[in-house]
N, C-alpha and C. Protein backbone atom coordinates (compact mmCIF):
# COMPACT_ATOMS: atom_id res chain seq x y z
N MET A 1 -20.01 7.68 5.22
CA MET A 1 -18.57 7.54 5.16
C MET A 1 -18.07 8.04 3.81
N ALA A 2 -16.87 8.61 3.78
CA ALA A 2 -16.31 9.20 2.57
C ALA A 2 -15.91 8.12 1.58
N ASP A 3 -15.89 8.50 0.33
CA ASP A 3 -15.53 7.60 -0.76
C ASP A 3 -14.04 7.27 -0.68
N THR A 4 -13.70 5.98 -0.69
CA THR A 4 -12.32 5.53 -0.57
C THR A 4 -11.49 5.99 -1.76
N SER A 5 -12.04 6.00 -2.97
CA SER A 5 -11.29 6.45 -4.14
C SER A 5 -10.98 7.94 -4.04
N GLN A 6 -11.87 8.70 -3.43
CA GLN A 6 -11.61 10.12 -3.22
C GLN A 6 -10.46 10.28 -2.23
N HIS A 7 -10.44 9.46 -1.16
CA HIS A 7 -9.34 9.50 -0.20
C HIS A 7 -8.03 9.17 -0.90
N ALA A 8 -8.06 8.19 -1.78
CA ALA A 8 -6.84 7.79 -2.49
C ALA A 8 -6.32 8.93 -3.35
N GLY A 9 -7.22 9.63 -4.04
CA GLY A 9 -6.81 10.75 -4.89
C GLY A 9 -6.22 11.89 -4.09
N VAL A 10 -6.88 12.26 -3.01
CA VAL A 10 -6.38 13.34 -2.15
C VAL A 10 -5.08 12.88 -1.48
N GLY A 11 -5.05 11.64 -1.01
CA GLY A 11 -3.84 11.10 -0.39
C GLY A 11 -2.68 11.11 -1.35
N GLN A 12 -2.93 10.80 -2.62
CA GLN A 12 -1.88 10.80 -3.65
C GLN A 12 -1.29 12.19 -3.81
N ARG A 13 -2.14 13.21 -3.84
CA ARG A 13 -1.65 14.58 -4.01
C ARG A 13 -0.82 15.02 -2.81
N TYR A 14 -1.28 14.72 -1.61
CA TYR A 14 -0.52 15.08 -0.42
C TYR A 14 0.79 14.29 -0.35
N ALA A 15 0.74 13.01 -0.71
CA ALA A 15 1.95 12.19 -0.70
C ALA A 15 2.96 12.71 -1.71
N GLN A 16 2.50 13.15 -2.87
CA GLN A 16 3.40 13.69 -3.90
C GLN A 16 4.08 14.95 -3.38
N ALA A 17 3.33 15.81 -2.71
CA ALA A 17 3.92 17.03 -2.15
C ALA A 17 4.96 16.68 -1.10
N LEU A 18 4.63 15.75 -0.21
CA LEU A 18 5.58 15.34 0.82
C LEU A 18 6.81 14.67 0.20
N PHE A 19 6.60 13.85 -0.81
CA PHE A 19 7.71 13.18 -1.49
C PHE A 19 8.65 14.22 -2.11
N ASP A 20 8.08 15.21 -2.79
CA ASP A 20 8.90 16.25 -3.42
C ASP A 20 9.72 17.01 -2.39
N LEU A 21 9.10 17.36 -1.27
CA LEU A 21 9.83 18.05 -0.20
C LEU A 21 10.93 17.17 0.38
N ALA A 22 10.60 15.92 0.64
CA ALA A 22 11.58 15.00 1.21
C ALA A 22 12.75 14.78 0.25
N ARG A 23 12.47 14.69 -1.03
CA ARG A 23 13.53 14.52 -2.02
C ARG A 23 14.42 15.76 -2.05
N ASP A 24 13.81 16.94 -2.01
CA ASP A 24 14.58 18.19 -2.02
C ASP A 24 15.47 18.32 -0.79
N GLU A 25 15.02 17.79 0.34
CA GLU A 25 15.78 17.88 1.58
C GLU A 25 16.59 16.62 1.86
N SER A 26 16.67 15.72 0.88
CA SER A 26 17.40 14.45 1.03
C SER A 26 16.95 13.68 2.27
N ALA A 27 15.63 13.62 2.45
CA ALA A 27 15.06 12.97 3.63
C ALA A 27 14.05 11.90 3.25
N LEU A 28 14.20 11.30 2.09
CA LEU A 28 13.23 10.30 1.64
C LEU A 28 13.13 9.13 2.61
N ASP A 29 14.28 8.61 3.04
CA ASP A 29 14.28 7.45 3.93
C ASP A 29 13.74 7.80 5.32
N ALA A 30 14.10 8.99 5.81
CA ALA A 30 13.63 9.40 7.14
C ALA A 30 12.10 9.56 7.15
N VAL A 31 11.57 10.16 6.10
CA VAL A 31 10.12 10.34 6.01
C VAL A 31 9.44 8.99 5.85
N GLU A 32 10.06 8.10 5.08
CA GLU A 32 9.50 6.75 4.94
C GLU A 32 9.40 6.07 6.31
N LYS A 33 10.46 6.16 7.09
CA LYS A 33 10.46 5.55 8.43
C LYS A 33 9.34 6.15 9.29
N ASP A 34 9.20 7.47 9.23
CA ASP A 34 8.15 8.15 10.00
C ASP A 34 6.76 7.67 9.57
N LEU A 35 6.54 7.62 8.26
CA LEU A 35 5.22 7.24 7.75
C LEU A 35 4.92 5.77 8.03
N LEU A 36 5.93 4.92 7.97
CA LEU A 36 5.71 3.51 8.29
C LEU A 36 5.27 3.37 9.75
N GLY A 37 5.88 4.15 10.64
CA GLY A 37 5.48 4.14 12.05
C GLY A 37 4.05 4.64 12.22
N LEU A 38 3.71 5.70 11.52
CA LEU A 38 2.35 6.23 11.60
C LEU A 38 1.34 5.24 11.01
N GLY A 39 1.73 4.60 9.91
CA GLY A 39 0.85 3.59 9.30
C GLY A 39 0.61 2.42 10.24
N ALA A 40 1.67 2.00 10.94
CA ALA A 40 1.52 0.91 11.91
C ALA A 40 0.62 1.34 13.06
N ALA A 41 0.78 2.57 13.52
CA ALA A 41 -0.08 3.08 14.60
C ALA A 41 -1.53 3.11 14.16
N LEU A 42 -1.77 3.52 12.92
CA LEU A 42 -3.14 3.53 12.39
C LEU A 42 -3.71 2.12 12.32
N ALA A 43 -2.89 1.18 11.87
CA ALA A 43 -3.35 -0.21 11.74
C ALA A 43 -3.67 -0.83 13.09
N GLU A 44 -2.90 -0.47 14.10
CA GLU A 44 -3.05 -1.08 15.42
C GLU A 44 -4.13 -0.44 16.29
N SER A 45 -4.43 0.82 16.05
CA SER A 45 -5.31 1.55 16.96
C SER A 45 -6.64 1.95 16.30
N ALA A 46 -7.68 1.26 16.69
CA ALA A 46 -9.01 1.61 16.21
C ALA A 46 -9.41 3.00 16.72
N ASP A 47 -8.96 3.35 17.92
CA ASP A 47 -9.28 4.67 18.48
C ASP A 47 -8.66 5.79 17.64
N LEU A 48 -7.42 5.59 17.21
CA LEU A 48 -6.77 6.60 16.37
C LEU A 48 -7.48 6.72 15.03
N ARG A 49 -7.83 5.60 14.42
CA ARG A 49 -8.56 5.65 13.15
C ARG A 49 -9.89 6.37 13.32
N ARG A 50 -10.58 6.08 14.39
CA ARG A 50 -11.88 6.72 14.65
C ARG A 50 -11.70 8.22 14.85
N LEU A 51 -10.69 8.61 15.64
CA LEU A 51 -10.43 10.02 15.89
C LEU A 51 -10.18 10.78 14.60
N LEU A 52 -9.35 10.22 13.73
CA LEU A 52 -8.99 10.92 12.50
C LEU A 52 -10.12 10.95 11.48
N ALA A 53 -10.96 9.94 11.47
CA ALA A 53 -11.99 9.83 10.44
C ALA A 53 -13.34 10.42 10.84
N ASP A 54 -13.65 10.45 12.12
CA ASP A 54 -14.99 10.85 12.57
C ASP A 54 -15.15 12.37 12.51
N PRO A 55 -16.11 12.86 11.71
CA PRO A 55 -16.32 14.30 11.61
C PRO A 55 -16.87 14.93 12.90
N ALA A 56 -17.30 14.11 13.84
CA ALA A 56 -17.84 14.64 15.10
C ALA A 56 -16.73 15.26 15.96
N TYR A 57 -15.49 14.80 15.77
CA TYR A 57 -14.37 15.37 16.53
C TYR A 57 -13.91 16.66 15.86
N PRO A 58 -13.70 17.72 16.65
CA PRO A 58 -13.23 18.97 16.04
C PRO A 58 -11.80 18.82 15.51
N PRO A 59 -11.48 19.59 14.48
CA PRO A 59 -10.13 19.51 13.89
C PRO A 59 -9.01 19.72 14.91
N SER A 60 -9.24 20.55 15.90
CA SER A 60 -8.20 20.80 16.91
C SER A 60 -7.91 19.53 17.72
N ASP A 61 -8.93 18.75 18.03
CA ASP A 61 -8.72 17.49 18.75
C ASP A 61 -7.97 16.48 17.89
N LYS A 62 -8.32 16.45 16.60
CA LYS A 62 -7.63 15.55 15.67
C LYS A 62 -6.16 15.91 15.58
N ALA A 63 -5.89 17.21 15.48
CA ALA A 63 -4.50 17.67 15.39
C ALA A 63 -3.73 17.31 16.65
N LYS A 64 -4.32 17.55 17.81
CA LYS A 64 -3.65 17.22 19.08
C LYS A 64 -3.35 15.73 19.17
N GLY A 65 -4.33 14.91 18.82
CA GLY A 65 -4.14 13.46 18.89
C GLY A 65 -3.07 12.98 17.93
N LEU A 66 -3.13 13.46 16.69
CA LEU A 66 -2.16 13.04 15.68
C LEU A 66 -0.75 13.50 16.04
N LEU A 67 -0.63 14.73 16.49
CA LEU A 67 0.69 15.24 16.85
C LEU A 67 1.24 14.54 18.09
N ALA A 68 0.37 14.15 19.02
CA ALA A 68 0.83 13.39 20.19
C ALA A 68 1.38 12.03 19.78
N VAL A 69 0.70 11.38 18.86
CA VAL A 69 1.18 10.09 18.35
C VAL A 69 2.51 10.29 17.63
N ALA A 70 2.60 11.35 16.83
CA ALA A 70 3.83 11.63 16.08
C ALA A 70 5.00 11.91 17.03
N GLU A 71 4.74 12.66 18.11
CA GLU A 71 5.80 12.92 19.09
C GLU A 71 6.24 11.64 19.78
N ALA A 72 5.30 10.78 20.10
CA ALA A 72 5.64 9.50 20.74
C ALA A 72 6.49 8.64 19.81
N LEU A 73 6.25 8.74 18.50
CA LEU A 73 7.02 7.98 17.52
C LEU A 73 8.34 8.68 17.16
N LYS A 74 8.51 9.90 17.68
CA LYS A 74 9.72 10.69 17.43
C LYS A 74 9.94 10.93 15.93
N VAL A 75 8.88 11.37 15.25
CA VAL A 75 9.00 11.66 13.83
C VAL A 75 9.83 12.92 13.62
N GLY A 76 10.40 13.04 12.44
CA GLY A 76 11.25 14.18 12.11
C GLY A 76 10.45 15.46 11.91
N LYS A 77 11.20 16.55 11.80
CA LYS A 77 10.59 17.88 11.68
C LYS A 77 9.75 17.99 10.41
N LEU A 78 10.25 17.47 9.30
CA LEU A 78 9.51 17.56 8.04
C LEU A 78 8.17 16.83 8.14
N THR A 79 8.20 15.64 8.70
CA THR A 79 6.96 14.87 8.84
C THR A 79 6.02 15.56 9.82
N MET A 80 6.56 16.10 10.90
CA MET A 80 5.73 16.80 11.89
C MET A 80 5.06 18.02 11.24
N ASN A 81 5.81 18.77 10.46
CA ASN A 81 5.22 19.93 9.76
C ASN A 81 4.14 19.48 8.79
N PHE A 82 4.39 18.38 8.09
CA PHE A 82 3.41 17.85 7.15
C PHE A 82 2.12 17.47 7.88
N LEU A 83 2.26 16.81 9.03
CA LEU A 83 1.08 16.42 9.80
C LEU A 83 0.31 17.65 10.28
N GLY A 84 1.04 18.71 10.59
CA GLY A 84 0.39 19.97 10.97
C GLY A 84 -0.45 20.52 9.82
N VAL A 85 0.10 20.48 8.61
CA VAL A 85 -0.64 20.96 7.44
C VAL A 85 -1.85 20.06 7.18
N LEU A 86 -1.65 18.75 7.30
CA LEU A 86 -2.74 17.80 7.10
C LEU A 86 -3.88 18.09 8.08
N SER A 87 -3.53 18.37 9.32
CA SER A 87 -4.54 18.68 10.33
C SER A 87 -5.21 20.02 10.05
N GLN A 88 -4.41 21.01 9.70
CA GLN A 88 -4.93 22.35 9.44
C GLN A 88 -5.91 22.35 8.27
N LYS A 89 -5.62 21.56 7.26
CA LYS A 89 -6.49 21.48 6.08
C LYS A 89 -7.64 20.49 6.27
N GLU A 90 -7.73 19.91 7.48
CA GLU A 90 -8.77 18.95 7.82
C GLU A 90 -8.75 17.75 6.89
N ARG A 91 -7.55 17.24 6.64
CA ARG A 91 -7.35 16.07 5.77
C ARG A 91 -6.83 14.86 6.54
N THR A 92 -7.01 14.84 7.85
CA THR A 92 -6.51 13.71 8.63
C THR A 92 -7.12 12.37 8.23
N PRO A 93 -8.36 12.32 7.72
CA PRO A 93 -8.89 11.01 7.33
C PRO A 93 -8.11 10.33 6.20
N VAL A 94 -7.32 11.09 5.45
CA VAL A 94 -6.59 10.50 4.32
C VAL A 94 -5.16 10.08 4.68
N LEU A 95 -4.81 10.09 5.96
CA LEU A 95 -3.44 9.75 6.35
C LEU A 95 -3.04 8.36 5.87
N GLY A 96 -3.91 7.40 6.00
CA GLY A 96 -3.60 6.04 5.53
C GLY A 96 -3.32 6.02 4.03
N ALA A 97 -4.11 6.76 3.26
CA ALA A 97 -3.91 6.84 1.81
C ALA A 97 -2.59 7.55 1.49
N VAL A 98 -2.22 8.54 2.30
CA VAL A 98 -0.95 9.24 2.11
C VAL A 98 0.21 8.27 2.32
N VAL A 99 0.13 7.47 3.38
CA VAL A 99 1.19 6.49 3.67
C VAL A 99 1.33 5.51 2.51
N ASP A 100 0.23 4.97 2.02
CA ASP A 100 0.27 4.02 0.91
C ASP A 100 0.84 4.67 -0.36
N ALA A 101 0.38 5.87 -0.66
CA ALA A 101 0.84 6.56 -1.88
C ALA A 101 2.32 6.92 -1.78
N TYR A 102 2.77 7.32 -0.60
CA TYR A 102 4.19 7.66 -0.42
C TYR A 102 5.05 6.42 -0.64
N LYS A 103 4.62 5.28 -0.09
CA LYS A 103 5.38 4.04 -0.29
C LYS A 103 5.47 3.70 -1.77
N ALA A 104 4.38 3.89 -2.51
CA ALA A 104 4.38 3.61 -3.95
C ALA A 104 5.30 4.57 -4.70
N LEU A 105 5.26 5.85 -4.33
CA LEU A 105 6.15 6.83 -4.97
C LEU A 105 7.62 6.50 -4.71
N LEU A 106 7.91 6.12 -3.48
CA LEU A 106 9.29 5.79 -3.13
C LEU A 106 9.75 4.52 -3.85
N ALA A 107 8.87 3.55 -3.96
CA ALA A 107 9.22 2.31 -4.68
C ALA A 107 9.50 2.62 -6.15
N ALA A 108 8.68 3.47 -6.76
CA ALA A 108 8.89 3.84 -8.16
C ALA A 108 10.21 4.60 -8.31
N HIS A 109 10.50 5.48 -7.36
CA HIS A 109 11.74 6.25 -7.38
C HIS A 109 12.96 5.33 -7.29
N ARG A 110 12.84 4.29 -6.50
CA ARG A 110 13.94 3.34 -6.32
C ARG A 110 13.99 2.29 -7.43
N GLY A 111 12.96 2.25 -8.26
CA GLY A 111 12.92 1.26 -9.33
C GLY A 111 12.48 -0.11 -8.86
N THR A 112 11.81 -0.16 -7.72
CA THR A 112 11.34 -1.43 -7.17
C THR A 112 10.11 -1.91 -7.93
N VAL A 113 10.08 -3.20 -8.21
CA VAL A 113 8.93 -3.82 -8.87
C VAL A 113 8.30 -4.78 -7.87
N PHE A 114 6.98 -4.72 -7.75
CA PHE A 114 6.26 -5.59 -6.83
C PHE A 114 5.48 -6.64 -7.62
N ALA A 115 5.48 -7.84 -7.10
CA ALA A 115 4.70 -8.92 -7.70
C ALA A 115 3.88 -9.56 -6.60
N GLU A 116 2.58 -9.71 -6.85
CA GLU A 116 1.71 -10.41 -5.92
C GLU A 116 1.38 -11.76 -6.53
N VAL A 117 1.66 -12.81 -5.78
CA VAL A 117 1.43 -14.16 -6.27
C VAL A 117 0.36 -14.80 -5.40
N VAL A 118 -0.69 -15.30 -6.05
CA VAL A 118 -1.78 -15.98 -5.34
C VAL A 118 -1.77 -17.42 -5.82
N THR A 119 -1.70 -18.36 -4.87
CA THR A 119 -1.67 -19.78 -5.20
C THR A 119 -2.76 -20.51 -4.43
N ALA A 120 -3.07 -21.70 -4.89
CA ALA A 120 -4.09 -22.51 -4.22
C ALA A 120 -3.53 -23.13 -2.95
N LEU A 121 -2.24 -23.44 -2.95
CA LEU A 121 -1.55 -24.03 -1.80
C LEU A 121 -0.29 -23.23 -1.53
N PRO A 122 0.20 -23.24 -0.28
CA PRO A 122 1.44 -22.53 0.01
C PRO A 122 2.60 -23.09 -0.83
N LEU A 123 3.48 -22.19 -1.26
CA LEU A 123 4.63 -22.60 -2.06
C LEU A 123 5.76 -23.09 -1.15
N SER A 124 6.47 -24.10 -1.63
CA SER A 124 7.64 -24.59 -0.89
C SER A 124 8.80 -23.61 -1.14
N ALA A 125 9.87 -23.77 -0.40
CA ALA A 125 11.03 -22.91 -0.56
C ALA A 125 11.61 -23.04 -1.97
N ALA A 126 11.65 -24.25 -2.49
CA ALA A 126 12.16 -24.47 -3.84
C ALA A 126 11.26 -23.80 -4.88
N GLN A 127 9.95 -23.88 -4.68
CA GLN A 127 9.01 -23.25 -5.61
C GLN A 127 9.14 -21.73 -5.56
N ASN A 128 9.31 -21.19 -4.35
CA ASN A 128 9.52 -19.75 -4.20
C ASN A 128 10.76 -19.29 -4.94
N LYS A 129 11.84 -20.05 -4.80
CA LYS A 129 13.11 -19.72 -5.45
C LYS A 129 12.95 -19.77 -6.97
N SER A 130 12.28 -20.81 -7.46
CA SER A 130 12.06 -20.96 -8.90
C SER A 130 11.18 -19.83 -9.44
N LEU A 131 10.14 -19.48 -8.71
CA LEU A 131 9.25 -18.40 -9.11
C LEU A 131 10.01 -17.07 -9.15
N SER A 132 10.80 -16.82 -8.12
CA SER A 132 11.59 -15.59 -8.05
C SER A 132 12.55 -15.50 -9.23
N SER A 133 13.19 -16.60 -9.56
CA SER A 133 14.12 -16.64 -10.68
C SER A 133 13.39 -16.38 -12.01
N ALA A 134 12.23 -17.02 -12.19
CA ALA A 134 11.46 -16.84 -13.42
C ALA A 134 10.97 -15.40 -13.57
N LEU A 135 10.52 -14.80 -12.47
CA LEU A 135 10.07 -13.41 -12.53
C LEU A 135 11.23 -12.46 -12.80
N ARG A 136 12.37 -12.72 -12.19
CA ARG A 136 13.55 -11.89 -12.41
C ARG A 136 13.94 -11.93 -13.89
N GLN A 137 13.90 -13.12 -14.48
CA GLN A 137 14.24 -13.28 -15.88
C GLN A 137 13.21 -12.59 -16.78
N ALA A 138 11.92 -12.73 -16.47
CA ALA A 138 10.87 -12.15 -17.29
C ALA A 138 10.82 -10.62 -17.19
N LEU A 139 11.08 -10.09 -15.99
CA LEU A 139 10.95 -8.65 -15.77
C LEU A 139 12.25 -7.88 -15.97
N GLY A 140 13.38 -8.59 -15.89
CA GLY A 140 14.66 -7.93 -16.02
C GLY A 140 15.18 -7.35 -14.71
N VAL A 141 14.37 -7.42 -13.65
CA VAL A 141 14.77 -6.97 -12.31
C VAL A 141 14.21 -7.96 -11.30
N ALA A 142 14.82 -7.98 -10.14
CA ALA A 142 14.32 -8.86 -9.08
C ALA A 142 13.15 -8.18 -8.37
N PRO A 143 11.95 -8.72 -8.47
CA PRO A 143 10.80 -8.08 -7.83
C PRO A 143 10.68 -8.44 -6.35
N GLU A 144 10.00 -7.58 -5.62
CA GLU A 144 9.62 -7.92 -4.25
C GLU A 144 8.32 -8.70 -4.37
N ILE A 145 8.34 -9.93 -3.87
CA ILE A 145 7.21 -10.83 -4.05
C ILE A 145 6.43 -10.97 -2.75
N THR A 146 5.12 -10.80 -2.86
CA THR A 146 4.24 -11.12 -1.73
C THR A 146 3.37 -12.28 -2.19
N THR A 147 3.19 -13.24 -1.30
CA THR A 147 2.39 -14.41 -1.65
C THR A 147 1.16 -14.48 -0.78
N ARG A 148 0.12 -15.05 -1.36
CA ARG A 148 -1.14 -15.22 -0.66
C ARG A 148 -1.74 -16.53 -1.12
N VAL A 149 -2.42 -17.22 -0.22
CA VAL A 149 -3.05 -18.49 -0.56
C VAL A 149 -4.56 -18.28 -0.69
N ASP A 150 -5.11 -18.77 -1.80
CA ASP A 150 -6.55 -18.72 -2.05
C ASP A 150 -6.98 -20.09 -2.55
N PRO A 151 -7.54 -20.92 -1.67
CA PRO A 151 -7.93 -22.28 -2.06
C PRO A 151 -8.95 -22.32 -3.20
N ALA A 152 -9.66 -21.23 -3.43
CA ALA A 152 -10.66 -21.20 -4.50
C ALA A 152 -10.04 -21.33 -5.89
N LEU A 153 -8.73 -21.11 -6.01
CA LEU A 153 -8.07 -21.24 -7.31
C LEU A 153 -7.99 -22.69 -7.77
N LEU A 154 -8.08 -23.62 -6.85
CA LEU A 154 -8.03 -25.06 -7.11
C LEU A 154 -6.63 -25.55 -7.48
N GLY A 155 -5.89 -24.80 -8.25
CA GLY A 155 -4.55 -25.17 -8.66
C GLY A 155 -3.97 -24.04 -9.49
N GLY A 156 -2.68 -24.10 -9.77
CA GLY A 156 -2.05 -23.05 -10.55
C GLY A 156 -1.82 -21.81 -9.72
N MET A 157 -1.69 -20.66 -10.41
CA MET A 157 -1.44 -19.41 -9.68
C MET A 157 -1.85 -18.21 -10.51
N LYS A 158 -1.97 -17.09 -9.81
CA LYS A 158 -2.17 -15.79 -10.43
C LYS A 158 -0.99 -14.92 -10.01
N VAL A 159 -0.41 -14.21 -10.96
CA VAL A 159 0.70 -13.32 -10.66
C VAL A 159 0.32 -11.93 -11.17
N ARG A 160 0.34 -10.96 -10.27
CA ARG A 160 0.04 -9.57 -10.65
C ARG A 160 1.32 -8.76 -10.49
N VAL A 161 1.73 -8.11 -11.59
CA VAL A 161 2.88 -7.21 -11.58
C VAL A 161 2.38 -5.89 -12.13
N GLY A 162 2.27 -4.91 -11.25
CA GLY A 162 1.69 -3.63 -11.66
C GLY A 162 0.25 -3.84 -12.07
N SER A 163 -0.09 -3.42 -13.27
CA SER A 163 -1.47 -3.58 -13.74
C SER A 163 -1.65 -4.85 -14.57
N ARG A 164 -0.56 -5.61 -14.76
CA ARG A 164 -0.65 -6.85 -15.55
C ARG A 164 -0.97 -8.03 -14.64
N LEU A 165 -1.86 -8.88 -15.13
CA LEU A 165 -2.24 -10.08 -14.39
C LEU A 165 -1.99 -11.29 -15.28
N PHE A 166 -1.23 -12.24 -14.77
CA PHE A 166 -0.98 -13.49 -15.45
C PHE A 166 -1.73 -14.57 -14.68
N ASP A 167 -2.75 -15.14 -15.29
CA ASP A 167 -3.62 -16.07 -14.59
C ASP A 167 -3.50 -17.46 -15.20
N SER A 168 -2.87 -18.35 -14.48
CA SER A 168 -2.77 -19.74 -14.93
C SER A 168 -3.46 -20.66 -13.93
N SER A 169 -4.47 -20.11 -13.26
CA SER A 169 -5.17 -20.90 -12.25
C SER A 169 -6.13 -21.89 -12.90
N LEU A 170 -6.31 -22.99 -12.24
CA LEU A 170 -7.23 -24.02 -12.72
C LEU A 170 -8.66 -23.48 -12.74
N LYS A 171 -9.00 -22.68 -11.76
CA LYS A 171 -10.35 -22.11 -11.70
C LYS A 171 -10.67 -21.29 -12.95
N SER A 172 -9.75 -20.43 -13.37
CA SER A 172 -10.02 -19.60 -14.55
C SER A 172 -10.07 -20.45 -15.82
N LYS A 173 -9.25 -21.49 -15.88
CA LYS A 173 -9.30 -22.37 -17.06
C LYS A 173 -10.63 -23.13 -17.11
N LEU A 174 -11.11 -23.57 -15.96
CA LEU A 174 -12.41 -24.25 -15.91
C LEU A 174 -13.54 -23.29 -16.26
N ASP A 175 -13.43 -22.04 -15.77
CA ASP A 175 -14.45 -21.04 -16.10
C ASP A 175 -14.47 -20.77 -17.60
N SER A 176 -13.30 -20.70 -18.24
CA SER A 176 -13.23 -20.48 -19.69
C SER A 176 -13.86 -21.65 -20.44
N LEU A 177 -13.55 -22.86 -19.99
CA LEU A 177 -14.13 -24.05 -20.62
C LEU A 177 -15.65 -24.06 -20.46
N LYS A 178 -16.11 -23.72 -19.29
CA LYS A 178 -17.55 -23.68 -19.01
C LYS A 178 -18.23 -22.65 -19.94
N PHE A 179 -17.61 -21.49 -20.10
CA PHE A 179 -18.18 -20.46 -20.96
C PHE A 179 -18.21 -20.95 -22.42
N ALA A 180 -17.12 -21.58 -22.86
CA ALA A 180 -17.05 -22.10 -24.23
C ALA A 180 -18.12 -23.15 -24.47
N LEU A 181 -18.36 -24.01 -23.50
CA LEU A 181 -19.37 -25.04 -23.64
C LEU A 181 -20.77 -24.45 -23.68
N LYS A 182 -21.01 -23.40 -22.95
CA LYS A 182 -22.33 -22.74 -22.97
C LYS A 182 -22.60 -22.10 -24.31
N ARG A 183 -21.57 -21.58 -24.94
CA ARG A 183 -21.74 -20.92 -26.24
C ARG A 183 -21.96 -21.94 -27.35
N ALA A 184 -21.43 -23.15 -27.17
CA ALA A 184 -21.50 -24.16 -28.24
C ALA A 184 -22.89 -24.74 -28.41
């Protein structure tokens, strides 16, 4: 199987090209809608993922399958042409990486900030509101927050904004204490 980081790099380059074209044609939102539909189709269909990734299938079959899915989703002309190029260059296995990279490029273009919050227990509505307010104040913009529960944290939370990680989890504090005690 191909290296995932290689897929991400190639997907990033193709997504950048598509983003630049979409921006030039004032079609950023339309292409986003098309790619979100394709991303959902990829997530839902193991057969489609297998078709696009398996080198045993000839490129012509991959192109036919991908374009049939695109026609069913009624994607726009720009996206359809892009999928044709992706198929022609035999880069269909990176479609998922292209979708992810395009979403990231569009979010950066719009100035959207994402925050991932991991807690030991689900947050209440009041806690969510308080967290959102605190992040808005700290970042200067209202972030899009995704939450996840990880009981292994024991308590507290981890907040990731871009490449920054703020870890106030009980697990990490206990690990630090354990390390300090071993050194003593």
